[in-house]
Amino acid sequence: MNLKKILPIFSYLFHPIFIPVYTAMFYFFGYDSYYTNSEKYFAIFQIVIVTIILPILIFFLLRATGKVNSIMLADISQRKIPLVIQCFLTILLIQKSITIYHFPELYFFFLAGLLSTIIALIFLFYKIKASLHMIAVSALTVFVIGLSIHNQARNIDVIAFLVLMNGFVASSRLEMKAHTPKELVIGLISGLLPQLFLLSFWL
């Protein structure tokens, strides 16, 4: 099987829109947490609504008005409005649903994600297109490592898998000619640093 034909799949499997749900699933079901099943499923439901359903509806609205033409947001000029909307949706999520009082670790993941989005938005004003895919998958990787340390659990297999996925996602974006190596590195750093910075608040 041709690897070049397989690589684009990783861009869809690890699209930034899905990463918050992957993170929540690991957070709630990766360990024996004290949350009830109803609390877990309700939190995940809220995350799905705010990070997947609403962005998809907004995407169709923006496409209908000619503001965007692809869910991959390849053009720099098409990224500003979606990223601003993502900032507001994330703020809504951490203020009303995933609060610091109920889900502290997950709260800081989303807060760091908000910082990463703001960084990506700032880069756009300098005509720099940071890879949103690398921001998302690298943030997930750091969070899983942090959560493993926090819970004193060995998740070497999961961590190794995610590190590998960072490589596959980067290769996928290059294969699809969506980013340059520089943009991938910028995305990787933009995803890593906010997560690493906020680790000290919940580890």
Protein backbone atom coordinates (compact mmCIF):
# COMPACT_ATOMS: atom_id res chain seq x y z
CA MET A 1 0.00 0.00 0.00
CA ASN A 2 1.34 3.44 -0.95
CA LEU A 3 2.20 5.46 2.19
CA LYS A 4 1.63 8.71 0.32
CA LYS A 5 -2.00 7.73 -0.17
CA ILE A 6 -2.40 6.87 3.52
CA LEU A 7 -0.78 10.01 4.96
CA PRO A 8 -3.68 12.42 4.16
CA ILE A 9 -5.93 10.28 6.38
CA PHE A 10 -4.04 11.55 9.43
CA SER A 11 -4.96 15.13 8.57
CA TYR A 12 -8.61 14.19 8.92
CA LEU A 13 -8.32 11.83 11.90
CA PHE A 14 -6.36 14.45 13.82
CA HIS A 15 -8.14 17.51 12.51
CA PRO A 16 -8.06 20.23 15.22
CA ILE A 17 -11.84 20.07 15.49
CA PHE A 18 -11.65 16.54 16.95
CA ILE A 19 -8.75 17.00 19.39
CA PRO A 20 -10.83 18.47 22.26
CA VAL A 21 -13.10 15.40 22.24
CA TYR A 22 -10.12 13.01 22.10
CA THR A 23 -8.65 14.88 25.07
CA ALA A 24 -11.86 14.71 27.06
CA MET A 25 -12.28 11.01 26.34
CA PHE A 26 -8.80 10.30 27.67
CA TYR A 27 -9.35 12.59 30.66
CA PHE A 28 -12.59 10.93 31.72
CA PHE A 29 -12.00 7.33 30.70
CA GLY A 30 -8.22 6.94 30.74
CA TYR A 31 -8.23 6.69 34.52
CA ASP A 32 -10.54 5.69 37.33
CA SER A 33 -11.84 9.20 37.97
CA TYR A 34 -14.28 10.12 40.71
CA TYR A 35 -16.74 11.65 38.25
CA THR A 36 -20.04 9.88 37.73
CA ASN A 37 -20.88 8.58 34.26
CA SER A 38 -23.59 11.21 33.89
CA GLU A 39 -21.06 13.96 34.65
CA LYS A 40 -18.60 12.51 32.14
CA TYR A 41 -21.10 12.12 29.32
CA PHE A 42 -22.68 15.52 29.92
CA ALA A 43 -19.28 17.23 29.85
CA ILE A 44 -18.31 15.42 26.64
CA PHE A 45 -21.69 16.31 25.12
CA GLN A 46 -21.05 19.99 25.86
CA ILE A 47 -17.56 19.78 24.36
CA VAL A 48 -18.94 18.13 21.20
CA ILE A 49 -21.53 20.90 20.83
CA VAL A 50 -19.07 23.76 21.33
CA THR A 51 -16.00 22.38 19.56
CA ILE A 52 -17.52 20.32 16.74
CA ILE A 53 -21.21 21.05 16.05
CA LEU A 54 -21.10 24.85 16.34
CA PRO A 55 -17.83 25.21 14.36
CA ILE A 56 -19.24 23.01 11.56
CA LEU A 57 -22.43 25.09 11.40
CA ILE A 58 -20.36 28.28 11.40
CA PHE A 59 -18.13 26.82 8.68
CA PHE A 60 -21.13 26.19 6.41
CA LEU A 61 -22.33 29.73 7.07
CA LEU A 62 -18.90 31.17 6.23
CA ARG A 63 -18.66 29.02 3.11
CA ALA A 64 -22.11 30.11 1.99
CA THR A 65 -21.02 33.75 2.32
CA GLY A 66 -17.74 33.12 0.51
CA LYS A 67 -15.52 33.70 3.55
CA VAL A 68 -13.96 30.21 3.42
CA ASN A 69 -13.84 27.48 0.80
CA SER A 70 -12.34 24.50 2.66
CA ILE A 71 -12.45 23.03 6.14
CA MET A 72 -8.63 22.91 6.03
CA LEU A 73 -8.48 26.74 5.82
CA ALA A 74 -5.47 26.73 3.53
CA ASP A 75 -5.61 30.46 2.74
CA ILE A 76 -4.24 32.85 5.38
CA SER A 77 -6.99 35.39 4.69
CA GLN A 78 -9.65 32.76 5.46
CA ARG A 79 -8.26 31.85 8.88
CA LYS A 80 -8.83 35.05 10.86
CA ILE A 81 -12.61 34.85 11.33
CA PRO A 82 -12.67 31.11 12.24
CA LEU A 83 -9.85 31.61 14.77
CA VAL A 84 -11.58 34.59 16.37
CA ILE A 85 -14.79 32.55 16.61
CA GLN A 86 -12.82 29.65 18.09
CA CYS A 87 -11.46 31.98 20.77
CA PHE A 88 -14.97 33.05 21.77
CA LEU A 89 -16.28 29.47 21.77
CA THR A 90 -13.38 28.33 23.97
CA ILE A 91 -14.00 31.19 26.39
CA LEU A 92 -17.67 30.19 26.52
CA LEU A 93 -16.70 26.58 27.22
CA ILE A 94 -14.32 27.29 30.10
CA GLN A 95 -16.63 29.85 31.67
CA LYS A 96 -19.85 27.87 31.54
CA SER A 97 -18.99 24.16 31.22
CA ILE A 98 -15.40 23.05 31.72
CA THR A 99 -14.72 25.29 34.69
CA ILE A 100 -11.69 25.31 36.95
CA TYR A 101 -13.87 24.19 39.87
CA HIS A 102 -15.34 21.11 38.20
CA PHE A 103 -12.65 19.90 35.77
CA PRO A 104 -9.41 21.73 36.69
CA GLU A 105 -7.00 19.74 34.51
CA LEU A 106 -9.26 19.92 31.47
CA TYR A 107 -9.89 23.60 32.15
CA PHE A 108 -6.17 24.36 31.86
CA PHE A 109 -5.93 22.30 28.68
CA PHE A 110 -8.59 24.49 27.06
CA LEU A 111 -7.09 27.67 28.51
CA ALA A 112 -3.73 26.75 27.00
CA GLY A 113 -5.56 25.95 23.75
CA LEU A 114 -7.04 29.44 23.84
CA LEU A 115 -3.54 30.91 24.20
CA SER A 116 -2.34 28.79 21.27
CA THR A 117 -5.23 30.03 19.13
CA ILE A 118 -4.42 33.64 20.01
CA ILE A 119 -0.77 33.03 19.09
CA ALA A 120 -1.83 31.53 15.73
CA LEU A 121 -4.08 34.54 15.17
CA ILE A 122 -1.24 36.98 15.90
CA PHE A 123 1.00 35.13 13.44
CA LEU A 124 -1.61 35.66 10.72
CA PHE A 125 -1.13 39.42 10.95
CA TYR A 126 2.52 38.82 10.05
CA LYS A 127 1.50 36.59 7.12
CA ILE A 128 2.66 33.47 8.96
CA LYS A 129 0.40 30.41 8.79
CA ALA A 130 1.05 28.23 11.84
CA SER A 131 -0.14 24.65 11.43
CA LEU A 132 -3.35 24.26 13.42
CA HIS A 133 -3.02 20.49 13.12
CA MET A 134 0.38 20.56 14.83
CA ILE A 135 -0.90 22.95 17.49
CA ALA A 136 -3.72 20.55 18.31
CA VAL A 137 -1.88 17.22 18.26
CA SER A 138 1.14 18.57 20.17
CA ALA A 139 -1.16 20.08 22.81
CA LEU A 140 -2.90 16.73 23.23
CA THR A 141 0.47 15.00 23.60
CA VAL A 142 1.67 17.36 26.35
CA PHE A 143 -1.65 17.07 28.18
CA VAL A 144 -1.52 13.26 28.17
CA ILE A 145 2.07 13.35 29.47
CA GLY A 146 1.05 15.84 32.17
CA LEU A 147 -2.00 13.82 33.16
CA SER A 148 0.13 10.68 33.38
CA ILE A 149 2.52 12.44 35.75
CA HIS A 150 -0.37 13.94 37.69
CA ASN A 151 -2.00 10.54 38.22
CA GLN A 152 1.34 8.77 38.67
CA ALA A 153 0.42 6.37 35.89
CA ARG A 154 2.54 4.85 33.16
CA ASN A 155 1.04 5.50 29.77
CA ILE A 156 4.16 4.87 27.74
CA ASP A 157 2.19 3.19 24.95
CA VAL A 158 -0.28 6.07 24.62
CA ILE A 159 2.47 8.69 24.81
CA ALA A 160 4.59 6.84 22.24
CA PHE A 161 1.55 6.57 19.97
CA LEU A 162 0.88 10.31 20.21
CA VAL A 163 4.52 11.21 19.56
CA LEU A 164 4.33 8.99 16.48
CA MET A 165 1.11 10.71 15.44
CA ASN A 166 2.84 14.08 15.64
CA GLY A 167 5.22 12.78 13.01
CA PHE A 168 2.47 11.31 10.85
CA VAL A 169 0.37 14.48 11.02
CA ALA A 170 3.38 16.62 10.09
CA SER A 171 4.19 14.27 7.19
CA SER A 172 0.54 14.36 6.15
CA ARG A 173 0.48 18.15 6.02
CA LEU A 174 3.67 18.18 3.97
CA GLU A 175 2.34 15.51 1.60
CA MET A 176 -0.86 17.52 1.09
CA LYS A 177 1.30 20.64 0.52
CA ALA A 178 -0.72 22.41 3.18
CA HIS A 179 2.32 23.71 5.07
CA THR A 180 6.02 24.30 4.84
CA PRO A 181 8.37 22.69 7.42
CA LYS A 182 8.72 26.12 9.06
CA GLU A 183 4.94 26.44 9.50
CA LEU A 184 4.80 22.96 11.03
CA VAL A 185 7.54 23.82 13.54
CA ILE A 186 5.80 27.09 14.42
CA GLY A 187 2.56 25.17 14.97
CA LEU A 188 4.32 22.55 17.10
CA ILE A 189 5.90 25.19 19.34
CA SER A 190 2.66 27.19 19.54
CA GLY A 191 0.87 24.09 20.78
CA LEU A 192 3.57 22.94 23.18
CA LEU A 193 4.54 26.11 25.03
CA PRO A 194 1.15 27.21 26.43
CA GLN A 195 0.45 23.66 27.63
CA LEU A 196 3.89 23.41 29.25
CA PHE A 197 3.51 26.85 30.82
CA LEU A 198 0.17 25.98 32.45
CA LEU A 199 1.22 22.52 33.63
CA SER A 200 2.56 24.04 36.85
CA PHE A 201 -0.95 25.20 37.77
CA TRP A 202 -2.41 21.70 37.98
CA LEU A 203 0.39 19.12 38.26
